[in-house]
Amino acid sequence: LESVLTELSSAIAGLQSQYQALCQLRKGMN
């Protein structure tokens, strides 16, 4: 369970960084 939670937290951090990159890309295109 601890290993799954660790992987889950890393995946959430990756999604957060990708979301920020998409927001910056959208702003640049605008």
mmCIF file of all heavy atoms, coordinates in Angstrom:
data_MODEL
# 
_entry.id   MODEL 
# 
loop_
_atom_site.group_PDB 
_atom_site.id 
_atom_site.type_symbol 
_atom_site.label_atom_id 
_atom_site.label_alt_id 
_atom_site.label_comp_id 
_atom_site.label_asym_id 
_atom_site.label_entity_id 
_atom_site.label_seq_id 
_atom_site.pdbx_PDB_ins_code 
_atom_site.Cartn_x 
_atom_site.Cartn_y 
_atom_site.Cartn_z 
_atom_site.occupancy 
_atom_site.B_iso_or_equiv 
_atom_site.pdbx_formal_charge 
_atom_site.auth_seq_id 
_atom_site.auth_comp_id 
_atom_site.auth_asym_id 
_atom_site.auth_atom_id 
_atom_site.pdbx_PDB_model_num 
ATOM 1   N N   . LEU A 1 1  ? 0.821  -1.205 0.000   1.00 0.00 ? 1  LEU A N   1 
ATOM 2   C CA  . LEU A 1 1  ? 0.000  0.000  0.000   1.00 0.00 ? 1  LEU A CA  1 
ATOM 3   C C   . LEU A 1 1  ? 0.860  1.262  0.000   1.00 0.00 ? 1  LEU A C   1 
ATOM 4   O O   . LEU A 1 1  ? 0.568  2.247  -0.708  1.00 0.00 ? 1  LEU A O   1 
ATOM 5   C CB  . LEU A 1 1  ? -0.934 -0.013 1.217   1.00 0.00 ? 1  LEU A CB  1 
ATOM 6   C CG  . LEU A 1 1  ? -1.906 1.157  1.346   1.00 0.00 ? 1  LEU A CG  1 
ATOM 7   C CD1 . LEU A 1 1  ? -2.858 1.197  0.139   1.00 0.00 ? 1  LEU A CD1 1 
ATOM 8   C CD2 . LEU A 1 1  ? -2.707 1.043  2.632   1.00 0.00 ? 1  LEU A CD2 1 
ATOM 9   N N   . GLU A 1 2  ? 1.970  1.192  0.751   1.00 0.00 ? 2  GLU A N   1 
ATOM 10  C CA  . GLU A 1 2  ? 2.861  2.357  0.779   1.00 0.00 ? 2  GLU A CA  1 
ATOM 11  C C   . GLU A 1 2  ? 3.506  2.586  -0.585  1.00 0.00 ? 2  GLU A C   1 
ATOM 12  O O   . GLU A 1 2  ? 3.650  3.725  -1.040  1.00 0.00 ? 2  GLU A O   1 
ATOM 13  C CB  . GLU A 1 2  ? 3.930  2.147  1.844   1.00 0.00 ? 2  GLU A CB  1 
ATOM 14  C CG  . GLU A 1 2  ? 3.385  2.222  3.266   1.00 0.00 ? 2  GLU A CG  1 
ATOM 15  C CD  . GLU A 1 2  ? 4.466  1.955  4.304   1.00 0.00 ? 2  GLU A CD  1 
ATOM 16  O OE1 . GLU A 1 2  ? 5.600  1.600  3.890   1.00 0.00 ? 2  GLU A OE1 1 
ATOM 17  O OE2 . GLU A 1 2  ? 4.167  2.082  5.506   1.00 0.00 ? 2  GLU A OE2 1 
ATOM 18  N N   . SER A 1 3  ? 3.893  1.498  -1.274  1.00 0.00 ? 3  SER A N   1 
ATOM 19  C CA  . SER A 1 3  ? 4.487  1.647  -2.598  1.00 0.00 ? 3  SER A CA  1 
ATOM 20  C C   . SER A 1 3  ? 3.468  2.209  -3.604  1.00 0.00 ? 3  SER A C   1 
ATOM 21  O O   . SER A 1 3  ? 3.791  3.068  -4.438  1.00 0.00 ? 3  SER A O   1 
ATOM 22  C CB  . SER A 1 3  ? 5.033  0.304  -3.088  1.00 0.00 ? 3  SER A CB  1 
ATOM 23  O OG  . SER A 1 3  ? 3.960  -0.629 -3.201  1.00 0.00 ? 3  SER A OG  1 
ATOM 24  N N   . VAL A 1 4  ? 2.218  1.738  -3.500  1.00 0.00 ? 4  VAL A N   1 
ATOM 25  C CA  . VAL A 1 4  ? 1.171  2.247  -4.402  1.00 0.00 ? 4  VAL A CA  1 
ATOM 26  C C   . VAL A 1 4  ? 0.912  3.721  -4.161  1.00 0.00 ? 4  VAL A C   1 
ATOM 27  O O   . VAL A 1 4  ? 0.750  4.504  -5.096  1.00 0.00 ? 4  VAL A O   1 
ATOM 28  C CB  . VAL A 1 4  ? -0.114 1.411  -4.238  1.00 0.00 ? 4  VAL A CB  1 
ATOM 29  C CG1 . VAL A 1 4  ? -1.268 2.060  -4.990  1.00 0.00 ? 4  VAL A CG1 1 
ATOM 30  C CG2 . VAL A 1 4  ? 0.107  -0.003 -4.731  1.00 0.00 ? 4  VAL A CG2 1 
ATOM 31  N N   . LEU A 1 5  ? 0.906  4.114  -2.893  1.00 0.00 ? 5  LEU A N   1 
ATOM 32  C CA  . LEU A 1 5  ? 0.686  5.521  -2.574  1.00 0.00 ? 5  LEU A CA  1 
ATOM 33  C C   . LEU A 1 5  ? 1.838  6.383  -3.096  1.00 0.00 ? 5  LEU A C   1 
ATOM 34  O O   . LEU A 1 5  ? 1.618  7.513  -3.570  1.00 0.00 ? 5  LEU A O   1 
ATOM 35  C CB  . LEU A 1 5  ? 0.525  5.699  -1.063  1.00 0.00 ? 5  LEU A CB  1 
ATOM 36  C CG  . LEU A 1 5  ? -0.753 5.110  -0.454  1.00 0.00 ? 5  LEU A CG  1 
ATOM 37  C CD1 . LEU A 1 5  ? -0.740 5.241  1.060   1.00 0.00 ? 5  LEU A CD1 1 
ATOM 38  C CD2 . LEU A 1 5  ? -1.984 5.824  -1.019  1.00 0.00 ? 5  LEU A CD2 1 
ATOM 39  N N   . THR A 1 6  ? 3.068  5.860  -3.032  1.00 0.00 ? 6  THR A N   1 
ATOM 40  C CA  . THR A 1 6  ? 4.225  6.600  -3.542  1.00 0.00 ? 6  THR A CA  1 
ATOM 41  C C   . THR A 1 6  ? 4.110  6.801  -5.047  1.00 0.00 ? 6  THR A C   1 
ATOM 42  O O   . THR A 1 6  ? 4.330  7.895  -5.574  1.00 0.00 ? 6  THR A O   1 
ATOM 43  C CB  . THR A 1 6  ? 5.520  5.863  -3.192  1.00 0.00 ? 6  THR A CB  1 
ATOM 44  O OG1 . THR A 1 6  ? 5.592  5.672  -1.781  1.00 0.00 ? 6  THR A OG1 1 
ATOM 45  C CG2 . THR A 1 6  ? 6.726  6.656  -3.652  1.00 0.00 ? 6  THR A CG2 1 
ATOM 46  N N   . GLU A 1 7  ? 3.772  5.701  -5.755  1.00 0.00 ? 7  GLU A N   1 
ATOM 47  C CA  . GLU A 1 7  ? 3.602  5.814  -7.203  1.00 0.00 ? 7  GLU A CA  1 
ATOM 48  C C   . GLU A 1 7  ? 2.461  6.768  -7.553  1.00 0.00 ? 7  GLU A C   1 
ATOM 49  O O   . GLU A 1 7  ? 2.544  7.549  -8.520  1.00 0.00 ? 7  GLU A O   1 
ATOM 50  C CB  . GLU A 1 7  ? 3.328  4.428  -7.802  1.00 0.00 ? 7  GLU A CB  1 
ATOM 51  C CG  . GLU A 1 7  ? 4.501  3.475  -7.684  1.00 0.00 ? 7  GLU A CG  1 
ATOM 52  C CD  . GLU A 1 7  ? 4.155  2.103  -8.215  1.00 0.00 ? 7  GLU A CD  1 
ATOM 53  O OE1 . GLU A 1 7  ? 2.984  1.906  -8.632  1.00 0.00 ? 7  GLU A OE1 1 
ATOM 54  O OE2 . GLU A 1 7  ? 5.037  1.213  -8.227  1.00 0.00 ? 7  GLU A OE2 1 
ATOM 55  N N   . LEU A 1 8  ? 1.404  6.710  -6.758  1.00 0.00 ? 8  LEU A N   1 
ATOM 56  C CA  . LEU A 1 8  ? 0.263  7.588  -7.017  1.00 0.00 ? 8  LEU A CA  1 
ATOM 57  C C   . LEU A 1 8  ? 0.632  9.052  -6.826  1.00 0.00 ? 8  LEU A C   1 
ATOM 58  O O   . LEU A 1 8  ? 0.256  9.923  -7.637  1.00 0.00 ? 8  LEU A O   1 
ATOM 59  C CB  . LEU A 1 8  ? -0.899 7.210  -6.095  1.00 0.00 ? 8  LEU A CB  1 
ATOM 60  C CG  . LEU A 1 8  ? -2.200 7.996  -6.277  1.00 0.00 ? 8  LEU A CG  1 
ATOM 61  C CD1 . LEU A 1 8  ? -2.761 7.792  -7.680  1.00 0.00 ? 8  LEU A CD1 1 
ATOM 62  C CD2 . LEU A 1 8  ? -3.240 7.566  -5.242  1.00 0.00 ? 8  LEU A CD2 1 
ATOM 63  N N   . SER A 1 9  ? 1.394  9.340  -5.790  1.00 0.00 ? 9  SER A N   1 
ATOM 64  C CA  . SER A 1 9  ? 1.803  10.733 -5.559  1.00 0.00 ? 9  SER A CA  1 
ATOM 65  C C   . SER A 1 9  ? 2.720  11.226 -6.664  1.00 0.00 ? 9  SER A C   1 
ATOM 66  O O   . SER A 1 9  ? 2.611  12.384 -7.116  1.00 0.00 ? 9  SER A O   1 
ATOM 67  C CB  . SER A 1 9  ? 2.496  10.843 -4.196  1.00 0.00 ? 9  SER A CB  1 
ATOM 68  O OG  . SER A 1 9  ? 3.661  10.031 -4.163  1.00 0.00 ? 9  SER A OG  1 
ATOM 69  N N   . SER A 1 10 ? 3.620  10.363 -7.165  1.00 0.00 ? 10 SER A N   1 
ATOM 70  C CA  . SER A 1 10 ? 4.504  10.776 -8.261  1.00 0.00 ? 10 SER A CA  1 
ATOM 71  C C   . SER A 1 10 ? 3.699  11.003 -9.541  1.00 0.00 ? 10 SER A C   1 
ATOM 72  O O   . SER A 1 10 ? 3.965  11.943 -10.311 1.00 0.00 ? 10 SER A O   1 
ATOM 73  C CB  . SER A 1 10 ? 5.592  9.721  -8.481  1.00 0.00 ? 10 SER A CB  1 
ATOM 74  O OG  . SER A 1 10 ? 4.990  8.478  -8.859  1.00 0.00 ? 10 SER A OG  1 
ATOM 75  N N   . ALA A 1 11 ? 2.697  10.142 -9.783  1.00 0.00 ? 11 ALA A N   1 
ATOM 76  C CA  . ALA A 1 11 ? 1.869  10.325 -10.979 1.00 0.00 ? 11 ALA A CA  1 
ATOM 77  C C   . ALA A 1 11 ? 1.069  11.632 -10.901 1.00 0.00 ? 11 ALA A C   1 
ATOM 78  O O   . ALA A 1 11 ? 0.933  12.359 -11.895 1.00 0.00 ? 11 ALA A O   1 
ATOM 79  C CB  . ALA A 1 11 ? 0.922  9.134  -11.138 1.00 0.00 ? 11 ALA A CB  1 
ATOM 80  N N   . ILE A 1 12 ? 0.559  11.925 -9.712  1.00 0.00 ? 12 ILE A N   1 
ATOM 81  C CA  . ILE A 1 12 ? -0.178 13.174 -9.547  1.00 0.00 ? 12 ILE A CA  1 
ATOM 82  C C   . ILE A 1 12 ? 0.736  14.374 -9.761  1.00 0.00 ? 12 ILE A C   1 
ATOM 83  O O   . ILE A 1 12 ? 0.351  15.380 -10.386 1.00 0.00 ? 12 ILE A O   1 
ATOM 84  C CB  . ILE A 1 12 ? -0.825 13.218 -8.150  1.00 0.00 ? 12 ILE A CB  1 
ATOM 85  C CG1 . ILE A 1 12 ? -1.931 12.158 -8.053  1.00 0.00 ? 12 ILE A CG1 1 
ATOM 86  C CG2 . ILE A 1 12 ? -1.383 14.593 -7.856  1.00 0.00 ? 12 ILE A CG2 1 
ATOM 87  C CD1 . ILE A 1 12 ? -2.516 12.003 -6.678  1.00 0.00 ? 12 ILE A CD1 1 
ATOM 88  N N   . ALA A 1 13 ? 1.995  14.287 -9.280  1.00 0.00 ? 13 ALA A N   1 
ATOM 89  C CA  . ALA A 1 13 ? 2.939  15.384 -9.494  1.00 0.00 ? 13 ALA A CA  1 
ATOM 90  C C   . ALA A 1 13 ? 3.232  15.560 -10.977 1.00 0.00 ? 13 ALA A C   1 
ATOM 91  O O   . ALA A 1 13 ? 3.327  16.694 -11.484 1.00 0.00 ? 13 ALA A O   1 
ATOM 92  C CB  . ALA A 1 13 ? 4.225  15.107 -8.712  1.00 0.00 ? 13 ALA A CB  1 
ATOM 93  N N   . GLY A 1 14 ? 3.366  14.426 -11.727 1.00 0.00 ? 14 GLY A N   1 
ATOM 94  C CA  . GLY A 1 14 ? 3.590  14.531 -13.164 1.00 0.00 ? 14 GLY A CA  1 
ATOM 95  C C   . GLY A 1 14 ? 2.412  15.165 -13.891 1.00 0.00 ? 14 GLY A C   1 
ATOM 96  O O   . GLY A 1 14 ? 2.585  15.989 -14.795 1.00 0.00 ? 14 GLY A O   1 
ATOM 97  N N   . LEU A 1 15 ? 1.201  14.777 -13.494 1.00 0.00 ? 15 LEU A N   1 
ATOM 98  C CA  . LEU A 1 15 ? 0.016  15.386 -14.111 1.00 0.00 ? 15 LEU A CA  1 
ATOM 99  C C   . LEU A 1 15 ? -0.058 16.875 -13.829 1.00 0.00 ? 15 LEU A C   1 
ATOM 100 O O   . LEU A 1 15 ? -0.441 17.671 -14.694 1.00 0.00 ? 15 LEU A O   1 
ATOM 101 C CB  . LEU A 1 15 ? -1.239 14.685 -13.582 1.00 0.00 ? 15 LEU A CB  1 
ATOM 102 C CG  . LEU A 1 15 ? -1.479 13.257 -14.069 1.00 0.00 ? 15 LEU A CG  1 
ATOM 103 C CD1 . LEU A 1 15 ? -2.678 12.645 -13.338 1.00 0.00 ? 15 LEU A CD1 1 
ATOM 104 C CD2 . LEU A 1 15 ? -1.718 13.232 -15.573 1.00 0.00 ? 15 LEU A CD2 1 
ATOM 105 N N   . GLN A 1 16 ? 0.324  17.264 -12.624 1.00 0.00 ? 16 GLN A N   1 
ATOM 106 C CA  . GLN A 1 16 ? 0.300  18.677 -12.282 1.00 0.00 ? 16 GLN A CA  1 
ATOM 107 C C   . GLN A 1 16 ? 1.287  19.473 -13.129 1.00 0.00 ? 16 GLN A C   1 
ATOM 108 O O   . GLN A 1 16 ? 0.971  20.561 -13.626 1.00 0.00 ? 16 GLN A O   1 
ATOM 109 C CB  . GLN A 1 16 ? 0.619  18.845 -10.801 1.00 0.00 ? 16 GLN A CB  1 
ATOM 110 C CG  . GLN A 1 16 ? 0.502  20.283 -10.292 1.00 0.00 ? 16 GLN A CG  1 
ATOM 111 C CD  . GLN A 1 16 ? 0.752  20.380 -8.800  1.00 0.00 ? 16 GLN A CD  1 
ATOM 112 O OE1 . GLN A 1 16 ? 1.079  19.375 -8.168  1.00 0.00 ? 16 GLN A OE1 1 
ATOM 113 N NE2 . GLN A 1 16 ? 0.613  21.571 -8.265  1.00 0.00 ? 16 GLN A NE2 1 
ATOM 114 N N   . SER A 1 17 ? 2.505  18.921 -13.329 1.00 0.00 ? 17 SER A N   1 
ATOM 115 C CA  . SER A 1 17 ? 3.494  19.612 -14.156 1.00 0.00 ? 17 SER A CA  1 
ATOM 116 C C   . SER A 1 17 ? 3.029  19.697 -15.617 1.00 0.00 ? 17 SER A C   1 
ATOM 117 O O   . SER A 1 17 ? 3.198  20.721 -16.286 1.00 0.00 ? 17 SER A O   1 
ATOM 118 C CB  . SER A 1 17 ? 4.843  18.892 -14.057 1.00 0.00 ? 17 SER A CB  1 
ATOM 119 O OG  . SER A 1 17 ? 4.715  17.551 -14.541 1.00 0.00 ? 17 SER A OG  1 
ATOM 120 N N   . GLN A 1 18 ? 2.388  18.619 -16.132 1.00 0.00 ? 18 GLN A N   1 
ATOM 121 C CA  . GLN A 1 18 ? 1.881  18.650 -17.503 1.00 0.00 ? 18 GLN A CA  1 
ATOM 122 C C   . GLN A 1 18 ? 0.749  19.665 -17.647 1.00 0.00 ? 18 GLN A C   1 
ATOM 123 O O   . GLN A 1 18 ? 0.650  20.372 -18.660 1.00 0.00 ? 18 GLN A O   1 
ATOM 124 C CB  . GLN A 1 18 ? 1.396  17.257 -17.901 1.00 0.00 ? 18 GLN A CB  1 
ATOM 125 C CG  . GLN A 1 18 ? 2.508  16.232 -18.054 1.00 0.00 ? 18 GLN A CG  1 
ATOM 126 C CD  . GLN A 1 18 ? 1.983  14.862 -18.410 1.00 0.00 ? 18 GLN A CD  1 
ATOM 127 O OE1 . GLN A 1 18 ? 0.789  14.694 -18.634 1.00 0.00 ? 18 GLN A OE1 1 
ATOM 128 N NE2 . GLN A 1 18 ? 2.884  13.875 -18.472 1.00 0.00 ? 18 GLN A NE2 1 
ATOM 129 N N   . TYR A 1 19 ? -0.077 19.750 -16.632 1.00 0.00 ? 19 TYR A N   1 
ATOM 130 C CA  . TYR A 1 19 ? -1.171 20.733 -16.678 1.00 0.00 ? 19 TYR A CA  1 
ATOM 131 C C   . TYR A 1 19 ? -0.628 22.156 -16.710 1.00 0.00 ? 19 TYR A C   1 
ATOM 132 O O   . TYR A 1 19 ? -1.115 23.006 -17.468 1.00 0.00 ? 19 TYR A O   1 
ATOM 133 C CB  . TYR A 1 19 ? -2.078 20.532 -15.463 1.00 0.00 ? 19 TYR A CB  1 
ATOM 134 C CG  . TYR A 1 19 ? -3.175 21.550 -15.351 1.00 0.00 ? 19 TYR A CG  1 
ATOM 135 C CD1 . TYR A 1 19 ? -4.277 21.512 -16.200 1.00 0.00 ? 19 TYR A CD1 1 
ATOM 136 C CD2 . TYR A 1 19 ? -3.106 22.562 -14.400 1.00 0.00 ? 19 TYR A CD2 1 
ATOM 137 C CE1 . TYR A 1 19 ? -5.285 22.451 -16.109 1.00 0.00 ? 19 TYR A CE1 1 
ATOM 138 C CE2 . TYR A 1 19 ? -4.108 23.511 -14.298 1.00 0.00 ? 19 TYR A CE2 1 
ATOM 139 C CZ  . TYR A 1 19 ? -5.199 23.450 -15.154 1.00 0.00 ? 19 TYR A CZ  1 
ATOM 140 O OH  . TYR A 1 19 ? -6.187 24.399 -15.053 1.00 0.00 ? 19 TYR A OH  1 
ATOM 141 N N   . GLN A 1 20 ? 0.388  22.428 -15.909 1.00 0.00 ? 20 GLN A N   1 
ATOM 142 C CA  . GLN A 1 20 ? 1.001  23.757 -15.930 1.00 0.00 ? 20 GLN A CA  1 
ATOM 143 C C   . GLN A 1 20 ? 1.629  24.056 -17.282 1.00 0.00 ? 20 GLN A C   1 
ATOM 144 O O   . GLN A 1 20 ? 1.533  25.189 -17.787 1.00 0.00 ? 20 GLN A O   1 
ATOM 145 C CB  . GLN A 1 20 ? 2.035  23.857 -14.809 1.00 0.00 ? 20 GLN A CB  1 
ATOM 146 C CG  . GLN A 1 20 ? 1.434  23.834 -13.412 1.00 0.00 ? 20 GLN A CG  1 
ATOM 147 C CD  . GLN A 1 20 ? 2.500  23.884 -12.329 1.00 0.00 ? 20 GLN A CD  1 
ATOM 148 O OE1 . GLN A 1 20 ? 3.710  23.828 -12.622 1.00 0.00 ? 20 GLN A OE1 1 
ATOM 149 N NE2 . GLN A 1 20 ? 2.046  23.953 -11.078 1.00 0.00 ? 20 GLN A NE2 1 
ATOM 150 N N   . ALA A 1 21 ? 2.262  23.041 -17.899 1.00 0.00 ? 21 ALA A N   1 
ATOM 151 C CA  . ALA A 1 21 ? 2.853  23.251 -19.217 1.00 0.00 ? 21 ALA A CA  1 
ATOM 152 C C   . ALA A 1 21 ? 1.776  23.540 -20.252 1.00 0.00 ? 21 ALA A C   1 
ATOM 153 O O   . ALA A 1 21 ? 1.936  24.422 -21.121 1.00 0.00 ? 21 ALA A O   1 
ATOM 154 C CB  . ALA A 1 21 ? 3.674  22.019 -19.621 1.00 0.00 ? 21 ALA A CB  1 
ATOM 155 N N   . LEU A 1 22 ? 0.654  22.832 -20.187 1.00 0.00 ? 22 LEU A N   1 
ATOM 156 C CA  . LEU A 1 22 ? -0.450 23.089 -21.120 1.00 0.00 ? 22 LEU A CA  1 
ATOM 157 C C   . LEU A 1 22 ? -1.009 24.498 -20.931 1.00 0.00 ? 22 LEU A C   1 
ATOM 158 O O   . LEU A 1 22 ? -1.342 25.181 -21.916 1.00 0.00 ? 22 LEU A O   1 
ATOM 159 C CB  . LEU A 1 22 ? -1.549 22.051 -20.921 1.00 0.00 ? 22 LEU A CB  1 
ATOM 160 C CG  . LEU A 1 22 ? -1.247 20.634 -21.424 1.00 0.00 ? 22 LEU A CG  1 
ATOM 161 C CD1 . LEU A 1 22 ? -2.366 19.686 -21.006 1.00 0.00 ? 22 LEU A CD1 1 
ATOM 162 C CD2 . LEU A 1 22 ? -1.082 20.629 -22.934 1.00 0.00 ? 22 LEU A CD2 1 
ATOM 163 N N   . CYS A 1 23 ? -1.106 24.942 -19.689 1.00 0.00 ? 23 CYS A N   1 
ATOM 164 C CA  . CYS A 1 23 ? -1.598 26.302 -19.437 1.00 0.00 ? 23 CYS A CA  1 
ATOM 165 C C   . CYS A 1 23 ? -0.652 27.341 -20.029 1.00 0.00 ? 23 CYS A C   1 
ATOM 166 O O   . CYS A 1 23 ? -1.085 28.333 -20.644 1.00 0.00 ? 23 CYS A O   1 
ATOM 167 C CB  . CYS A 1 23 ? -1.780 26.523 -17.933 1.00 0.00 ? 23 CYS A CB  1 
ATOM 168 S SG  . CYS A 1 23 ? -3.124 25.562 -17.200 1.00 0.00 ? 23 CYS A SG  1 
ATOM 169 N N   . GLN A 1 24 ? 0.645  27.145 -19.864 1.00 0.00 ? 24 GLN A N   1 
ATOM 170 C CA  . GLN A 1 24 ? 1.617  28.079 -20.435 1.00 0.00 ? 24 GLN A CA  1 
ATOM 171 C C   . GLN A 1 24 ? 1.554  28.059 -21.959 1.00 0.00 ? 24 GLN A C   1 
ATOM 172 O O   . GLN A 1 24 ? 1.651  29.108 -22.612 1.00 0.00 ? 24 GLN A O   1 
ATOM 173 C CB  . GLN A 1 24 ? 3.015  27.716 -19.941 1.00 0.00 ? 24 GLN A CB  1 
ATOM 174 C CG  . GLN A 1 24 ? 3.220  27.954 -18.449 1.00 0.00 ? 24 GLN A CG  1 
ATOM 175 C CD  . GLN A 1 24 ? 4.593  27.541 -17.982 1.00 0.00 ? 24 GLN A CD  1 
ATOM 176 O OE1 . GLN A 1 24 ? 5.398  27.039 -18.778 1.00 0.00 ? 24 GLN A OE1 1 
ATOM 177 N NE2 . GLN A 1 24 ? 4.870  27.728 -16.690 1.00 0.00 ? 24 GLN A NE2 1 
ATOM 178 N N   . LEU A 1 25 ? 1.405  26.851 -22.545 1.00 0.00 ? 25 LEU A N   1 
ATOM 179 C CA  . LEU A 1 25 ? 1.305  26.753 -24.000 1.00 0.00 ? 25 LEU A CA  1 
ATOM 180 C C   . LEU A 1 25 ? 0.063  27.481 -24.514 1.00 0.00 ? 25 LEU A C   1 
ATOM 181 O O   . LEU A 1 25 ? 0.117  28.197 -25.529 1.00 0.00 ? 25 LEU A O   1 
ATOM 182 C CB  . LEU A 1 25 ? 1.270  25.286 -24.405 1.00 0.00 ? 25 LEU A CB  1 
ATOM 183 C CG  . LEU A 1 25 ? 1.117  25.000 -25.909 1.00 0.00 ? 25 LEU A CG  1 
ATOM 184 C CD1 . LEU A 1 25 ? 2.313  25.559 -26.676 1.00 0.00 ? 25 LEU A CD1 1 
ATOM 185 C CD2 . LEU A 1 25 ? 0.997  23.498 -26.142 1.00 0.00 ? 25 LEU A CD2 1 
ATOM 186 N N   . ARG A 1 26 ? -1.048 27.330 -23.826 1.00 0.00 ? 26 ARG A N   1 
ATOM 187 C CA  . ARG A 1 26 ? -2.283 28.010 -24.235 1.00 0.00 ? 26 ARG A CA  1 
ATOM 188 C C   . ARG A 1 26 ? -2.128 29.513 -24.153 1.00 0.00 ? 26 ARG A C   1 
ATOM 189 O O   . ARG A 1 26 ? -2.558 30.250 -25.041 1.00 0.00 ? 26 ARG A O   1 
ATOM 190 C CB  . ARG A 1 26 ? -3.431 27.536 -23.342 1.00 0.00 ? 26 ARG A CB  1 
ATOM 191 C CG  . ARG A 1 26 ? -4.782 28.143 -23.691 1.00 0.00 ? 26 ARG A CG  1 
ATOM 192 C CD  . ARG A 1 26 ? -5.843 27.607 -22.763 1.00 0.00 ? 26 ARG A CD  1 
ATOM 193 N NE  . ARG A 1 26 ? -7.140 28.191 -23.068 1.00 0.00 ? 26 ARG A NE  1 
ATOM 194 C CZ  . ARG A 1 26 ? -8.256 27.932 -22.390 1.00 0.00 ? 26 ARG A CZ  1 
ATOM 195 N NH1 . ARG A 1 26 ? -8.199 27.087 -21.349 1.00 0.00 ? 26 ARG A NH1 1 
ATOM 196 N NH2 . ARG A 1 26 ? -9.394 28.499 -22.731 1.00 0.00 ? 26 ARG A NH2 1 
ATOM 197 N N   . LYS A 1 27 ? -1.478 29.976 -23.088 1.00 0.00 ? 27 LYS A N   1 
ATOM 198 C CA  . LYS A 1 27 ? -1.254 31.417 -22.937 1.00 0.00 ? 27 LYS A CA  1 
ATOM 199 C C   . LYS A 1 27 ? -0.365 31.952 -24.051 1.00 0.00 ? 27 LYS A C   1 
ATOM 200 O O   . LYS A 1 27 ? -0.612 33.017 -24.615 1.00 0.00 ? 27 LYS A O   1 
ATOM 201 C CB  . LYS A 1 27 ? -0.653 31.693 -21.568 1.00 0.00 ? 27 LYS A CB  1 
ATOM 202 C CG  . LYS A 1 27 ? -0.436 33.169 -21.279 1.00 0.00 ? 27 LYS A CG  1 
ATOM 203 C CD  . LYS A 1 27 ? 0.131  33.378 -19.881 1.00 0.00 ? 27 LYS A CD  1 
ATOM 204 C CE  . LYS A 1 27 ? 0.363  34.868 -19.620 1.00 0.00 ? 27 LYS A CE  1 
ATOM 205 N NZ  . LYS A 1 27 ? 0.962  35.089 -18.271 1.00 0.00 ? 27 LYS A NZ  1 
ATOM 206 N N   . GLY A 1 28 ? 0.694  31.174 -24.384 1.00 0.00 ? 28 GLY A N   1 
ATOM 207 C CA  . GLY A 1 28 ? 1.588  31.614 -25.460 1.00 0.00 ? 28 GLY A CA  1 
ATOM 208 C C   . GLY A 1 28 ? 0.880  31.677 -26.809 1.00 0.00 ? 28 GLY A C   1 
ATOM 209 O O   . GLY A 1 28 ? 1.084  32.607 -27.594 1.00 0.00 ? 28 GLY A O   1 
ATOM 210 N N   . MET A 1 29 ? 0.008  30.710 -27.101 1.00 0.00 ? 29 MET A N   1 
ATOM 211 C CA  . MET A 1 29 ? -0.731 30.714 -28.368 1.00 0.00 ? 29 MET A CA  1 
ATOM 212 C C   . MET A 1 29 ? -1.699 31.894 -28.431 1.00 0.00 ? 29 MET A C   1 
ATOM 213 O O   . MET A 1 29 ? -1.857 32.526 -29.482 1.00 0.00 ? 29 MET A O   1 
ATOM 214 C CB  . MET A 1 29 ? -1.490 29.397 -28.531 1.00 0.00 ? 29 MET A CB  1 
ATOM 215 C CG  . MET A 1 29 ? -0.582 28.184 -28.716 1.00 0.00 ? 29 MET A CG  1 
ATOM 216 S SD  . MET A 1 29 ? -1.502 26.642 -28.879 1.00 0.00 ? 29 MET A SD  1 
ATOM 217 C CE  . MET A 1 29 ? -2.301 26.927 -30.442 1.00 0.00 ? 29 MET A CE  1 
ATOM 218 N N   . ASN A 1 30 ? -2.316 32.206 -27.304 1.00 0.00 ? 30 ASN A N   1 
ATOM 219 C CA  . ASN A 1 30 ? -3.211 33.375 -27.280 1.00 0.00 ? 30 ASN A CA  1 
ATOM 220 C C   . ASN A 1 30 ? -2.439 34.656 -27.544 1.00 0.00 ? 30 ASN A C   1 
ATOM 221 O O   . ASN A 1 30 ? -2.900 35.554 -28.265 1.00 0.00 ? 30 ASN A O   1 
ATOM 222 C CB  . ASN A 1 30 ? -3.938 33.458 -25.942 1.00 0.00 ? 30 ASN A CB  1 
ATOM 223 C CG  . ASN A 1 30 ? -4.973 32.362 -25.788 1.00 0.00 ? 30 ASN A CG  1 
ATOM 224 O OD1 . ASN A 1 30 ? -5.531 31.883 -26.776 1.00 0.00 ? 30 ASN A OD1 1 
ATOM 225 N ND2 . ASN A 1 30 ? -5.242 31.959 -24.554 1.00 0.00 ? 30 ASN A ND2 1 
# 
